[in-house]
N, C-alpha and C. Protein backbone atom coordinates (compact mmCIF):
# COMPACT_ATOMS: atom_id res chain seq x y z
N MET A 1 -21.50 -2.22 63.06
CA MET A 1 -22.49 -1.79 64.05
C MET A 1 -23.04 -0.42 63.72
N GLU A 2 -22.15 0.50 63.30
CA GLU A 2 -22.61 1.85 62.99
C GLU A 2 -23.55 1.82 61.78
N SER A 3 -23.21 0.97 60.81
CA SER A 3 -24.06 0.87 59.62
C SER A 3 -25.43 0.32 59.98
N THR A 4 -25.45 -0.70 60.87
CA THR A 4 -26.71 -1.29 61.28
C THR A 4 -27.56 -0.29 62.05
N ALA A 5 -26.93 0.47 62.93
CA ALA A 5 -27.65 1.48 63.70
C ALA A 5 -28.22 2.56 62.78
N GLY A 6 -27.46 2.93 61.78
CA GLY A 6 -27.93 3.95 60.83
C GLY A 6 -29.13 3.46 60.04
N GLU A 7 -29.07 2.20 59.63
CA GLU A 7 -30.20 1.64 58.88
C GLU A 7 -31.45 1.57 59.74
N GLU A 8 -31.27 1.18 61.02
CA GLU A 8 -32.42 1.12 61.92
C GLU A 8 -33.03 2.49 62.12
N PHE A 9 -32.16 3.50 62.27
CA PHE A 9 -32.66 4.87 62.45
C PHE A 9 -33.45 5.33 61.22
N ALA A 10 -32.92 4.98 60.03
CA ALA A 10 -33.61 5.37 58.79
C ALA A 10 -34.97 4.70 58.70
N LEU A 11 -35.03 3.41 59.07
CA LEU A 11 -36.31 2.71 59.01
C LEU A 11 -37.33 3.30 59.98
N VAL A 12 -36.86 3.64 61.19
CA VAL A 12 -37.75 4.24 62.18
C VAL A 12 -38.25 5.60 61.69
N PHE A 13 -37.35 6.37 61.07
CA PHE A 13 -37.72 7.70 60.57
C PHE A 13 -38.76 7.60 59.46
N ILE A 14 -38.53 6.66 58.53
CA ILE A 14 -39.47 6.50 57.40
C ILE A 14 -40.83 6.00 57.90
N SER A 15 -40.80 5.05 58.84
CA SER A 15 -42.06 4.54 59.38
C SER A 15 -42.84 5.63 60.08
N GLY A 16 -42.13 6.45 60.86
CA GLY A 16 -42.80 7.56 61.55
C GLY A 16 -43.36 8.57 60.58
N PHE A 17 -42.63 8.83 59.48
CA PHE A 17 -43.10 9.78 58.47
C PHE A 17 -44.37 9.29 57.80
N LYS A 18 -44.39 7.96 57.48
CA LYS A 18 -45.58 7.39 56.85
C LYS A 18 -46.77 7.42 57.80
N ALA A 19 -46.50 7.14 59.08
CA ALA A 19 -47.59 7.17 60.06
C ALA A 19 -48.18 8.56 60.19
N LYS A 20 -47.31 9.57 60.16
CA LYS A 20 -47.80 10.95 60.25
C LYS A 20 -48.63 11.30 59.02
N ARG A 21 -48.18 10.83 57.86
CA ARG A 21 -48.94 11.12 56.63
C ARG A 21 -50.32 10.49 56.71
N GLU A 22 -50.40 9.27 57.25
CA GLU A 22 -51.71 8.62 57.36
C GLU A 22 -52.57 9.31 58.41
N LYS A 23 -51.91 9.74 59.50
CA LYS A 23 -52.68 10.39 60.58
C LYS A 23 -53.19 11.74 60.13
N PHE A 24 -52.34 12.49 59.40
CA PHE A 24 -52.74 13.82 58.96
C PHE A 24 -53.02 13.80 57.46
N ASN A 25 -53.94 12.94 57.06
CA ASN A 25 -54.33 12.86 55.66
C ASN A 25 -55.08 14.12 55.28
N MET A 26 -54.50 14.89 54.37
CA MET A 26 -55.06 16.20 54.06
C MET A 26 -56.38 16.07 53.32
N VAL A 27 -57.30 16.94 53.67
CA VAL A 27 -58.60 17.01 53.01
C VAL A 27 -58.59 18.23 52.11
N THR A 28 -58.87 18.03 50.82
CA THR A 28 -58.85 19.11 49.84
C THR A 28 -60.27 19.49 49.45
N CYS A 29 -60.55 20.78 49.49
CA CYS A 29 -61.88 21.27 49.11
C CYS A 29 -62.09 21.05 47.61
N PRO A 30 -63.14 20.33 47.20
CA PRO A 30 -63.37 20.09 45.78
C PRO A 30 -63.87 21.32 45.04
N TRP A 31 -64.22 22.36 45.77
CA TRP A 31 -64.78 23.55 45.13
C TRP A 31 -63.72 24.60 44.80
N CYS A 32 -62.71 24.77 45.67
CA CYS A 32 -61.71 25.82 45.43
C CYS A 32 -60.28 25.33 45.55
N GLY A 33 -60.07 24.07 45.99
CA GLY A 33 -58.73 23.52 46.05
C GLY A 33 -57.97 23.77 47.33
N THR A 34 -58.57 24.43 48.32
CA THR A 34 -57.90 24.67 49.60
C THR A 34 -57.77 23.36 50.37
N SER A 35 -56.59 23.12 50.97
CA SER A 35 -56.34 21.88 51.69
C SER A 35 -56.31 22.11 53.20
N TYR A 36 -56.77 21.10 53.93
CA TYR A 36 -56.81 21.15 55.39
C TYR A 36 -56.21 19.87 55.97
N LEU A 37 -55.54 20.00 57.11
CA LEU A 37 -54.96 18.85 57.78
C LEU A 37 -56.02 18.00 58.46
N ALA A 38 -57.07 18.62 58.95
CA ALA A 38 -58.14 17.92 59.65
C ALA A 38 -59.47 18.15 58.95
N PHE A 39 -60.35 17.17 59.02
CA PHE A 39 -61.65 17.29 58.36
C PHE A 39 -62.52 18.32 59.07
N GLN A 40 -63.27 19.07 58.27
CA GLN A 40 -64.30 19.97 58.77
C GLN A 40 -65.42 19.99 57.76
N SER A 41 -66.58 20.41 58.19
CA SER A 41 -67.76 20.27 57.33
C SER A 41 -67.74 21.20 56.13
N ASN A 42 -67.23 22.43 56.31
CA ASN A 42 -67.24 23.40 55.22
C ASN A 42 -65.87 24.06 55.06
N CYS A 43 -65.55 24.44 53.84
CA CYS A 43 -64.30 25.13 53.54
C CYS A 43 -64.37 26.57 54.06
N LYS A 44 -63.33 27.00 54.76
CA LYS A 44 -63.30 28.36 55.30
C LYS A 44 -63.04 29.39 54.20
N ASN A 45 -62.50 28.94 53.07
CA ASN A 45 -62.17 29.86 51.99
C ASN A 45 -63.38 30.22 51.13
N CYS A 46 -64.12 29.18 50.68
CA CYS A 46 -65.24 29.42 49.76
C CYS A 46 -66.59 29.05 50.35
N GLY A 47 -66.60 28.31 51.46
CA GLY A 47 -67.87 27.92 52.06
C GLY A 47 -68.44 26.62 51.54
N GLY A 48 -67.78 25.99 50.57
CA GLY A 48 -68.29 24.74 50.02
C GLY A 48 -68.11 23.58 50.99
N PRO A 49 -68.96 22.53 50.88
CA PRO A 49 -68.83 21.38 51.78
C PRO A 49 -67.61 20.55 51.43
N LEU A 50 -66.91 20.05 52.44
CA LEU A 50 -65.74 19.21 52.22
C LEU A 50 -66.17 17.76 52.14
N PRO A 51 -65.55 16.98 51.25
CA PRO A 51 -65.95 15.58 51.07
C PRO A 51 -65.45 14.71 52.20
N GLY A 52 -66.13 13.57 52.38
CA GLY A 52 -65.66 12.58 53.33
C GLY A 52 -64.63 11.70 52.66
N SER A 53 -64.34 10.58 53.29
CA SER A 53 -63.32 9.69 52.76
C SER A 53 -63.86 8.71 51.74
N SER A 54 -65.19 8.65 51.61
CA SER A 54 -65.78 7.67 50.70
C SER A 54 -65.61 8.10 49.27
N GLY A 55 -65.46 7.13 48.38
CA GLY A 55 -65.32 7.42 46.96
C GLY A 55 -66.01 6.35 46.16
N ASP A 56 -66.22 6.63 44.89
CA ASP A 56 -66.89 5.68 44.01
C ASP A 56 -65.92 5.30 42.91
N LYS A 57 -65.54 4.04 42.80
CA LYS A 57 -64.56 3.62 41.83
C LYS A 57 -65.25 3.29 40.51
N THR A 58 -64.74 3.93 39.46
CA THR A 58 -65.28 3.65 38.14
C THR A 58 -64.14 3.70 37.14
N SER A 59 -63.97 2.62 36.37
CA SER A 59 -62.93 2.55 35.36
C SER A 59 -61.57 2.85 35.94
N GLY A 60 -61.33 2.41 37.17
CA GLY A 60 -60.03 2.60 37.80
C GLY A 60 -59.82 3.98 38.35
N GLU A 61 -60.80 4.84 38.32
CA GLU A 61 -60.65 6.20 38.80
C GLU A 61 -61.62 6.44 39.94
N ALA A 62 -61.23 7.33 40.84
CA ALA A 62 -62.08 7.64 41.99
C ALA A 62 -62.90 8.88 41.69
N LEU A 63 -64.21 8.75 41.77
CA LEU A 63 -65.11 9.89 41.61
C LEU A 63 -65.63 10.29 42.98
N ALA A 64 -65.61 11.60 43.24
CA ALA A 64 -66.14 12.10 44.51
C ALA A 64 -67.66 11.98 44.48
N THR A 65 -68.22 11.16 45.35
CA THR A 65 -69.66 10.94 45.38
C THR A 65 -70.35 12.12 46.05
N PRO A 66 -71.32 12.76 45.39
CA PRO A 66 -72.01 13.90 46.01
C PRO A 66 -72.77 13.47 47.25
N PRO A 67 -72.69 14.24 48.33
CA PRO A 67 -73.52 13.93 49.50
C PRO A 67 -74.99 14.12 49.17
N LEU A 68 -75.86 13.54 49.98
CA LEU A 68 -77.29 13.65 49.74
C LEU A 68 -77.76 15.09 49.96
N ALA A 69 -78.74 15.51 49.17
CA ALA A 69 -79.34 16.84 49.34
C ALA A 69 -80.23 16.85 50.58
N PRO A 70 -80.38 18.00 51.24
CA PRO A 70 -79.75 19.27 50.91
C PRO A 70 -78.30 19.33 51.38
N ARG A 71 -77.43 19.90 50.53
CA ARG A 71 -76.02 20.02 50.85
C ARG A 71 -75.74 21.40 51.46
N SER A 72 -74.82 21.43 52.36
CA SER A 72 -74.50 22.68 53.06
C SER A 72 -73.54 23.52 52.22
N ILE A 73 -74.08 24.48 51.48
CA ILE A 73 -73.27 25.38 50.66
C ILE A 73 -73.42 26.80 51.23
N SER A 74 -72.33 27.43 51.57
CA SER A 74 -72.36 28.77 52.14
C SER A 74 -72.82 29.79 51.10
N GLU A 75 -73.46 30.86 51.57
CA GLU A 75 -73.87 31.95 50.68
C GLU A 75 -72.65 32.60 50.03
N ARG A 76 -71.50 32.49 50.67
CA ARG A 76 -70.28 33.09 50.12
C ARG A 76 -69.89 32.46 48.80
N TYR A 77 -70.36 31.24 48.56
CA TYR A 77 -69.99 30.57 47.32
C TYR A 77 -70.58 31.28 46.10
N VAL A 78 -71.67 32.00 46.29
CA VAL A 78 -72.23 32.81 45.19
C VAL A 78 -71.19 33.80 44.71
N TRP A 79 -70.50 34.46 45.65
CA TRP A 79 -69.51 35.47 45.28
C TRP A 79 -68.27 34.82 44.69
N ARG A 80 -67.94 33.62 45.11
CA ARG A 80 -66.81 32.92 44.52
C ARG A 80 -67.08 32.68 43.04
N LEU A 81 -68.33 32.34 42.69
CA LEU A 81 -68.70 32.15 41.29
C LEU A 81 -68.67 33.46 40.52
N LEU A 82 -69.14 34.54 41.16
CA LEU A 82 -69.21 35.83 40.48
C LEU A 82 -67.84 36.42 40.21
N TYR A 83 -66.89 36.21 41.13
CA TYR A 83 -65.54 36.76 40.94
C TYR A 83 -64.85 36.15 39.72
N ALA A 84 -65.33 34.99 39.27
CA ALA A 84 -64.76 34.34 38.08
C ALA A 84 -65.65 34.52 36.85
N ASP A 85 -66.66 35.38 36.95
CA ASP A 85 -67.63 35.60 35.88
C ASP A 85 -67.32 36.91 35.16
N GLY A 86 -66.88 36.79 33.90
CA GLY A 86 -66.52 37.99 33.15
C GLY A 86 -67.69 38.93 32.92
N TRP A 87 -68.90 38.39 32.68
CA TRP A 87 -70.07 39.24 32.47
C TRP A 87 -70.40 40.04 33.73
N TRP A 88 -70.30 39.39 34.89
CA TRP A 88 -70.60 40.09 36.14
C TRP A 88 -69.59 41.19 36.40
N ILE A 89 -68.31 40.91 36.15
CA ILE A 89 -67.27 41.91 36.35
C ILE A 89 -67.48 43.09 35.40
N ALA A 90 -67.84 42.80 34.13
CA ALA A 90 -68.10 43.87 33.17
C ALA A 90 -69.29 44.71 33.62
N GLY A 91 -70.36 44.05 34.11
CA GLY A 91 -71.52 44.79 34.61
C GLY A 91 -71.17 45.65 35.80
N LEU A 92 -70.33 45.13 36.68
CA LEU A 92 -69.92 45.90 37.86
C LEU A 92 -69.13 47.14 37.45
N VAL A 93 -68.23 46.98 36.50
CA VAL A 93 -67.43 48.12 36.03
C VAL A 93 -68.31 49.16 35.37
N LEU A 94 -69.22 48.71 34.49
CA LEU A 94 -70.13 49.65 33.84
C LEU A 94 -71.02 50.36 34.85
N GLY A 95 -71.49 49.63 35.86
CA GLY A 95 -72.34 50.24 36.88
C GLY A 95 -71.59 51.31 37.66
N ILE A 96 -70.33 51.03 38.01
CA ILE A 96 -69.54 52.02 38.76
C ILE A 96 -69.28 53.25 37.90
N LEU A 97 -68.90 53.03 36.64
CA LEU A 97 -68.68 54.17 35.74
C LEU A 97 -69.96 54.99 35.57
N GLY A 98 -71.07 54.30 35.41
CA GLY A 98 -72.35 54.99 35.26
C GLY A 98 -72.70 55.80 36.49
N ALA A 99 -72.44 55.24 37.67
CA ALA A 99 -72.73 55.96 38.91
C ALA A 99 -71.87 57.21 39.03
N VAL A 100 -70.59 57.09 38.67
CA VAL A 100 -69.68 58.24 38.74
C VAL A 100 -70.12 59.34 37.78
N PHE A 101 -70.36 58.94 36.52
CA PHE A 101 -70.80 59.93 35.53
C PHE A 101 -72.14 60.55 35.94
N GLY A 102 -73.04 59.70 36.47
CA GLY A 102 -74.35 60.21 36.87
C GLY A 102 -74.26 61.20 38.02
N LEU A 103 -73.44 60.90 39.03
CA LEU A 103 -73.30 61.81 40.17
C LEU A 103 -72.65 63.12 39.76
N VAL A 104 -71.62 63.02 38.93
CA VAL A 104 -70.97 64.25 38.44
C VAL A 104 -71.94 65.06 37.61
N GLY A 105 -72.67 64.36 36.73
CA GLY A 105 -73.64 65.06 35.89
C GLY A 105 -74.75 65.71 36.69
N ALA A 106 -75.23 65.01 37.72
CA ALA A 106 -76.29 65.58 38.55
C ALA A 106 -75.79 66.82 39.28
N GLY A 107 -74.57 66.73 39.80
CA GLY A 107 -74.01 67.89 40.50
C GLY A 107 -73.83 69.08 39.59
N LEU A 108 -73.34 68.83 38.38
CA LEU A 108 -73.14 69.93 37.43
C LEU A 108 -74.46 70.50 36.93
N THR A 109 -75.46 69.63 36.78
CA THR A 109 -76.77 70.10 36.29
C THR A 109 -77.44 71.00 37.32
N ILE A 110 -77.30 70.65 38.59
CA ILE A 110 -77.90 71.47 39.64
C ILE A 110 -77.19 72.81 39.77
N GLY A 111 -75.87 72.79 39.59
CA GLY A 111 -75.09 74.02 39.75
C GLY A 111 -75.46 75.07 38.71
N ALA A 112 -75.38 76.30 39.13
CA ALA A 112 -75.72 77.42 38.24
C ALA A 112 -74.67 77.57 37.14
N GLY A 113 -75.13 77.61 35.93
CA GLY A 113 -74.24 77.86 34.81
C GLY A 113 -73.47 76.64 34.32
N THR A 114 -73.68 75.48 34.92
CA THR A 114 -72.94 74.28 34.49
C THR A 114 -73.87 73.19 33.98
N ALA A 115 -75.14 73.49 33.80
CA ALA A 115 -76.09 72.47 33.34
C ALA A 115 -75.73 71.95 31.96
N PHE A 116 -75.18 72.83 31.11
CA PHE A 116 -74.85 72.41 29.75
C PHE A 116 -73.73 71.36 29.76
N VAL A 117 -72.93 71.33 30.83
CA VAL A 117 -71.90 70.30 30.97
C VAL A 117 -72.46 69.06 31.67
N GLY A 118 -73.34 69.28 32.64
CA GLY A 118 -73.88 68.17 33.42
C GLY A 118 -74.80 67.27 32.64
N ILE A 119 -75.60 67.84 31.73
CA ILE A 119 -76.56 67.02 30.99
C ILE A 119 -75.87 65.94 30.15
N PRO A 120 -74.78 66.23 29.42
CA PRO A 120 -74.09 65.15 28.70
C PRO A 120 -73.56 64.05 29.63
N PHE A 121 -73.07 64.47 30.81
CA PHE A 121 -72.60 63.48 31.77
C PHE A 121 -73.75 62.56 32.19
N LEU A 122 -74.91 63.16 32.46
CA LEU A 122 -76.07 62.36 32.85
C LEU A 122 -76.51 61.44 31.72
N SER A 123 -76.49 61.95 30.50
CA SER A 123 -76.94 61.15 29.36
C SER A 123 -76.04 59.94 29.11
N VAL A 124 -74.78 60.03 29.54
CA VAL A 124 -73.87 58.89 29.43
C VAL A 124 -73.97 58.01 30.67
N GLY A 125 -74.02 58.63 31.84
CA GLY A 125 -73.99 57.89 33.09
C GLY A 125 -75.21 57.02 33.34
N LEU A 126 -76.40 57.54 33.07
CA LEU A 126 -77.61 56.78 33.35
C LEU A 126 -77.72 55.49 32.53
N PRO A 127 -77.46 55.54 31.19
CA PRO A 127 -77.50 54.27 30.44
C PRO A 127 -76.44 53.28 30.90
N LEU A 128 -75.23 53.78 31.19
CA LEU A 128 -74.18 52.88 31.67
C LEU A 128 -74.59 52.21 32.97
N PHE A 129 -75.16 53.00 33.87
CA PHE A 129 -75.59 52.46 35.16
C PHE A 129 -76.70 51.43 34.97
N GLY A 130 -77.63 51.72 34.03
CA GLY A 130 -78.72 50.78 33.77
C GLY A 130 -78.24 49.48 33.18
N ILE A 131 -77.34 49.56 32.18
CA ILE A 131 -76.81 48.35 31.54
C ILE A 131 -76.00 47.53 32.55
N GLY A 132 -75.15 48.23 33.30
CA GLY A 132 -74.34 47.55 34.31
C GLY A 132 -75.19 46.89 35.37
N GLY A 133 -76.25 47.58 35.80
CA GLY A 133 -77.14 47.02 36.81
C GLY A 133 -77.86 45.78 36.32
N LEU A 134 -78.32 45.81 35.07
CA LEU A 134 -79.00 44.64 34.51
C LEU A 134 -78.05 43.44 34.41
N ALA A 135 -76.81 43.69 33.94
CA ALA A 135 -75.83 42.61 33.84
C ALA A 135 -75.49 42.05 35.22
N PHE A 136 -75.38 42.96 36.20
CA PHE A 136 -75.09 42.54 37.57
C PHE A 136 -76.18 41.62 38.10
N ILE A 137 -77.44 42.03 37.94
CA ILE A 137 -78.58 41.24 38.44
C ILE A 137 -78.68 39.91 37.70
N TRP A 138 -78.49 39.94 36.37
CA TRP A 138 -78.59 38.73 35.55
C TRP A 138 -77.61 37.67 36.01
N ARG A 139 -76.33 38.06 36.17
CA ARG A 139 -75.31 37.09 36.55
C ARG A 139 -75.43 36.67 38.02
N TYR A 140 -75.90 37.59 38.87
CA TYR A 140 -76.09 37.24 40.28
C TYR A 140 -77.18 36.18 40.41
N GLN A 141 -78.28 36.37 39.68
CA GLN A 141 -79.36 35.38 39.73
C GLN A 141 -78.90 34.04 39.17
N LYS A 142 -78.07 34.06 38.14
CA LYS A 142 -77.54 32.81 37.57
C LYS A 142 -76.65 32.10 38.59
N ALA A 143 -75.79 32.86 39.28
CA ALA A 143 -74.91 32.26 40.29
C ALA A 143 -75.73 31.64 41.43
N ARG A 144 -76.79 32.32 41.83
CA ARG A 144 -77.63 31.77 42.89
C ARG A 144 -78.34 30.49 42.41
N LYS A 145 -78.68 30.44 41.13
CA LYS A 145 -79.30 29.23 40.59
C LYS A 145 -78.31 28.07 40.62
N VAL A 146 -77.05 28.35 40.29
CA VAL A 146 -76.02 27.31 40.33
C VAL A 146 -75.84 26.79 41.75
N VAL A 147 -75.82 27.71 42.72
CA VAL A 147 -75.70 27.31 44.12
C VAL A 147 -76.90 26.47 44.54
N ASN A 148 -78.08 26.80 44.04
CA ASN A 148 -79.27 26.01 44.34
C ASN A 148 -79.15 24.59 43.77
N VAL A 149 -78.56 24.49 42.57
CA VAL A 149 -78.31 23.17 41.98
C VAL A 149 -77.36 22.37 42.86
N LEU A 150 -76.29 23.02 43.33
CA LEU A 150 -75.31 22.33 44.17
C LEU A 150 -75.91 21.93 45.51
N ARG A 151 -76.89 22.69 45.98
CA ARG A 151 -77.53 22.38 47.26
C ARG A 151 -78.59 21.30 47.12
N GLU A 152 -79.47 21.45 46.15
CA GLU A 152 -80.68 20.64 46.07
C GLU A 152 -80.71 19.66 44.92
N GLY A 153 -79.75 19.73 44.01
CA GLY A 153 -79.82 18.93 42.80
C GLY A 153 -79.67 17.44 43.01
N ASP A 154 -80.36 16.66 42.17
CA ASP A 154 -80.18 15.22 42.15
C ASP A 154 -78.87 14.88 41.45
N ALA A 155 -78.27 13.76 41.82
CA ALA A 155 -77.00 13.35 41.24
C ALA A 155 -77.20 12.25 40.22
N THR A 156 -76.45 12.33 39.12
CA THR A 156 -76.46 11.29 38.11
C THR A 156 -75.07 11.22 37.48
N ARG A 157 -74.83 10.16 36.76
CA ARG A 157 -73.54 10.01 36.10
C ARG A 157 -73.59 10.63 34.72
N GLY A 158 -72.53 11.31 34.35
CA GLY A 158 -72.42 11.91 33.04
C GLY A 158 -71.03 11.71 32.47
N GLN A 159 -70.72 12.49 31.43
CA GLN A 159 -69.43 12.36 30.78
C GLN A 159 -68.98 13.73 30.26
N ILE A 160 -67.69 13.98 30.36
CA ILE A 160 -67.13 15.23 29.84
C ILE A 160 -67.05 15.14 28.32
N ASP A 161 -67.61 16.12 27.63
CA ASP A 161 -67.55 16.16 26.17
C ASP A 161 -66.33 16.90 25.66
N ASP A 162 -66.02 18.03 26.31
CA ASP A 162 -64.96 18.88 25.78
C ASP A 162 -64.48 19.83 26.86
N THR A 163 -63.20 20.13 26.86
CA THR A 163 -62.61 21.10 27.78
C THR A 163 -61.71 22.03 26.98
N GLN A 164 -62.04 23.31 26.95
CA GLN A 164 -61.27 24.27 26.16
C GLN A 164 -61.04 25.55 26.94
N GLN A 165 -59.91 26.18 26.66
CA GLN A 165 -59.59 27.46 27.26
C GLN A 165 -59.96 28.58 26.28
N LYS A 166 -60.65 29.61 26.78
CA LYS A 166 -61.11 30.71 25.93
C LYS A 166 -60.06 31.82 25.95
N TYR A 167 -59.20 31.82 24.95
CA TYR A 167 -58.14 32.81 24.88
C TYR A 167 -58.65 34.19 24.48
N SER A 168 -59.88 34.25 23.97
CA SER A 168 -60.44 35.54 23.57
C SER A 168 -61.02 36.31 24.75
N VAL A 169 -61.09 35.66 25.91
CA VAL A 169 -61.65 36.29 27.11
C VAL A 169 -60.59 36.27 28.21
N ARG A 170 -60.52 37.37 28.97
CA ARG A 170 -59.60 37.45 30.09
C ARG A 170 -60.36 37.93 31.33
N VAL A 171 -60.30 37.17 32.41
CA VAL A 171 -60.96 37.50 33.66
C VAL A 171 -59.91 37.49 34.77
N ASN A 172 -59.77 38.62 35.45
CA ASN A 172 -58.78 38.73 36.53
C ASN A 172 -57.39 38.30 36.07
N GLY A 173 -57.07 38.66 34.83
CA GLY A 173 -55.74 38.36 34.29
C GLY A 173 -55.56 36.94 33.80
N ARG A 174 -56.62 36.13 33.78
CA ARG A 174 -56.51 34.74 33.34
C ARG A 174 -57.57 34.42 32.30
N HIS A 175 -57.26 33.46 31.45
CA HIS A 175 -58.22 33.00 30.45
C HIS A 175 -59.06 31.87 31.06
N PRO A 176 -60.38 32.01 31.02
CA PRO A 176 -61.22 30.97 31.64
C PRO A 176 -61.26 29.69 30.81
N TRP A 177 -61.56 28.60 31.51
CA TRP A 177 -61.77 27.30 30.87
C TRP A 177 -63.27 27.02 30.83
N VAL A 178 -63.71 26.42 29.74
CA VAL A 178 -65.12 26.01 29.60
C VAL A 178 -65.16 24.49 29.49
N ILE A 179 -65.91 23.88 30.39
CA ILE A 179 -66.03 22.41 30.44
C ILE A 179 -67.45 22.04 30.04
N ARG A 180 -67.59 21.33 28.93
CA ARG A 180 -68.90 20.89 28.45
C ARG A 180 -69.09 19.41 28.77
N TYR A 181 -70.32 19.07 29.13
CA TYR A 181 -70.60 17.71 29.56
C TYR A 181 -72.00 17.30 29.12
N GLN A 182 -72.28 16.01 29.21
CA GLN A 182 -73.60 15.48 28.88
C GLN A 182 -74.03 14.54 30.00
N PHE A 183 -75.35 14.42 30.14
CA PHE A 183 -75.91 13.52 31.15
C PHE A 183 -77.34 13.17 30.75
N ARG A 184 -77.87 12.19 31.42
CA ARG A 184 -79.23 11.74 31.13
C ARG A 184 -80.09 11.93 32.37
N ALA A 185 -81.27 12.53 32.20
CA ALA A 185 -82.20 12.77 33.30
C ALA A 185 -83.62 12.70 32.78
N ASN A 186 -84.50 12.09 33.55
CA ASN A 186 -85.92 11.99 33.17
C ASN A 186 -86.10 11.35 31.80
N GLY A 187 -85.19 10.42 31.46
CA GLY A 187 -85.30 9.72 30.19
C GLY A 187 -84.84 10.51 28.99
N GLN A 188 -84.22 11.66 29.19
CA GLN A 188 -83.75 12.49 28.08
C GLN A 188 -82.27 12.82 28.24
N GLU A 189 -81.63 13.13 27.11
CA GLU A 189 -80.23 13.53 27.11
C GLU A 189 -80.13 15.05 27.25
N TYR A 190 -79.23 15.50 28.11
CA TYR A 190 -79.01 16.93 28.32
C TYR A 190 -77.51 17.23 28.22
N THR A 191 -77.23 18.47 27.89
CA THR A 191 -75.85 18.94 27.88
C THR A 191 -75.75 20.17 28.77
N GLY A 192 -74.58 20.43 29.26
CA GLY A 192 -74.36 21.59 30.11
C GLY A 192 -72.92 22.05 29.98
N ALA A 193 -72.62 23.18 30.60
CA ALA A 193 -71.27 23.74 30.56
C ALA A 193 -71.03 24.54 31.82
N VAL A 194 -69.82 24.46 32.32
CA VAL A 194 -69.39 25.28 33.45
C VAL A 194 -68.07 25.95 33.07
N SER A 195 -67.83 27.11 33.62
CA SER A 195 -66.57 27.81 33.37
C SER A 195 -65.82 27.97 34.68
N THR A 196 -64.50 28.01 34.57
CA THR A 196 -63.65 28.14 35.73
C THR A 196 -62.34 28.81 35.34
N LEU A 197 -61.73 29.49 36.31
CA LEU A 197 -60.41 30.07 36.09
C LEU A 197 -59.31 29.10 36.47
N ASN A 198 -59.67 28.01 37.15
CA ASN A 198 -58.70 27.00 37.53
C ASN A 198 -58.49 26.01 36.39
N GLN A 199 -57.25 25.65 36.14
CA GLN A 199 -56.97 24.69 35.08
C GLN A 199 -57.56 23.33 35.44
N PRO A 200 -58.43 22.77 34.58
CA PRO A 200 -59.05 21.48 34.90
C PRO A 200 -58.02 20.37 34.97
N GLY A 201 -58.23 19.46 35.91
CA GLY A 201 -57.34 18.32 36.04
C GLY A 201 -57.67 17.23 35.05
N GLU A 202 -56.94 16.12 35.16
CA GLU A 202 -57.12 15.01 34.24
C GLU A 202 -58.54 14.46 34.28
N GLN A 203 -59.19 14.55 35.47
CA GLN A 203 -60.53 13.97 35.63
C GLN A 203 -61.60 14.78 34.92
N LEU A 204 -61.25 15.97 34.41
CA LEU A 204 -62.23 16.81 33.70
C LEU A 204 -61.88 16.96 32.22
N GLN A 205 -61.18 15.98 31.68
CA GLN A 205 -60.85 15.98 30.26
C GLN A 205 -61.89 15.20 29.48
N ALA A 206 -61.92 15.41 28.17
CA ALA A 206 -62.93 14.79 27.30
C ALA A 206 -62.94 13.27 27.46
N GLY A 207 -64.15 12.71 27.59
CA GLY A 207 -64.33 11.28 27.70
C GLY A 207 -64.34 10.75 29.12
N LYS A 208 -64.00 11.59 30.10
CA LYS A 208 -63.93 11.13 31.49
C LYS A 208 -65.34 11.11 32.11
N PRO A 209 -65.60 10.12 32.98
CA PRO A 209 -66.89 10.10 33.69
C PRO A 209 -66.92 11.18 34.75
N VAL A 210 -68.11 11.66 35.05
CA VAL A 210 -68.25 12.74 36.02
C VAL A 210 -69.64 12.67 36.65
N TYR A 211 -69.74 13.13 37.87
CA TYR A 211 -71.06 13.26 38.48
C TYR A 211 -71.65 14.62 38.09
N VAL A 212 -72.95 14.61 37.80
CA VAL A 212 -73.65 15.84 37.44
C VAL A 212 -74.81 16.02 38.42
N LEU A 213 -74.96 17.24 38.92
CA LEU A 213 -76.11 17.60 39.74
C LEU A 213 -77.07 18.41 38.89
N TYR A 214 -78.37 18.13 39.01
CA TYR A 214 -79.37 18.84 38.21
C TYR A 214 -80.65 18.98 39.03
N LEU A 215 -81.46 19.97 38.63
CA LEU A 215 -82.75 20.16 39.27
C LEU A 215 -83.78 19.27 38.57
N PRO A 216 -84.43 18.36 39.27
CA PRO A 216 -85.37 17.43 38.63
C PRO A 216 -86.48 18.13 37.84
N ALA A 217 -86.95 19.27 38.35
CA ALA A 217 -88.03 19.99 37.67
C ALA A 217 -87.53 20.81 36.49
N ALA A 218 -86.21 21.06 36.45
CA ALA A 218 -85.62 21.86 35.37
C ALA A 218 -84.21 21.36 35.10
N PRO A 219 -84.06 20.21 34.43
CA PRO A 219 -82.74 19.61 34.22
C PRO A 219 -81.77 20.48 33.42
N GLN A 220 -82.29 21.53 32.75
CA GLN A 220 -81.38 22.40 32.02
C GLN A 220 -80.46 23.16 32.97
N TRP A 221 -80.86 23.23 34.25
CA TRP A 221 -80.00 23.81 35.28
C TRP A 221 -79.19 22.68 35.91
N SER A 222 -77.91 22.66 35.64
CA SER A 222 -77.07 21.56 36.11
C SER A 222 -75.65 22.06 36.35
N SER A 223 -74.85 21.20 36.93
CA SER A 223 -73.44 21.51 37.19
C SER A 223 -72.70 20.21 37.44
N VAL A 224 -71.43 20.17 37.07
CA VAL A 224 -70.62 19.00 37.41
C VAL A 224 -70.30 19.07 38.90
N TYR A 225 -70.07 17.88 39.48
CA TYR A 225 -69.67 17.80 40.89
C TYR A 225 -68.33 17.08 40.98
N PRO A 226 -67.36 17.67 41.70
CA PRO A 226 -67.46 18.98 42.35
C PRO A 226 -67.30 20.10 41.34
N HIS A 227 -67.90 21.25 41.67
CA HIS A 227 -67.79 22.40 40.77
C HIS A 227 -66.32 22.82 40.69
N PRO A 228 -65.81 23.00 39.47
CA PRO A 228 -64.38 23.32 39.34
C PRO A 228 -64.04 24.75 39.71
């Protein structure tokens, strides 16, 4: 009797656990990997839209089907892209150094008897600030273009060509991954690449099918969906 009661208790416990798992099926943000117990329209971490339960089966694998445009992408997602962009970080650092050198140089130049020290500071600070500012603007505009692709881009099927980690570059203490892909749009073949600090999963390895978003008027602007 005790053995039978124990088995019944175990069955009830397992059934209840499975029911809870089905009831609280976690939703994972395809943009940053944050998981939620309940569905919501946008990720609180990065601002990206969360997927529904629908999927597209291809070759035995589930591909996340992009929602119809326009997609709700938060402005914060621009900064999520920039924080993983080595060029933007380098431009930011150069801009800050240039501003510091420029302010010190300006102060010394104005001061009596210290102009001979301030002028070299200015001559170093101003070019650094200019180069850093240009890099900052360049990468910011590129990030905004990517967000525009994710918001307004048409969806098509593509394929991953190659996934490699760039050991020669370090961003925020990590080596970025570069994912290259190909797709067809407007009757022509195009290639693209995205970089990420997150290690790509099995679905982003060479030869795997993938959804690609692109701008119909400028297919050279594209991104895989979901953005890694």
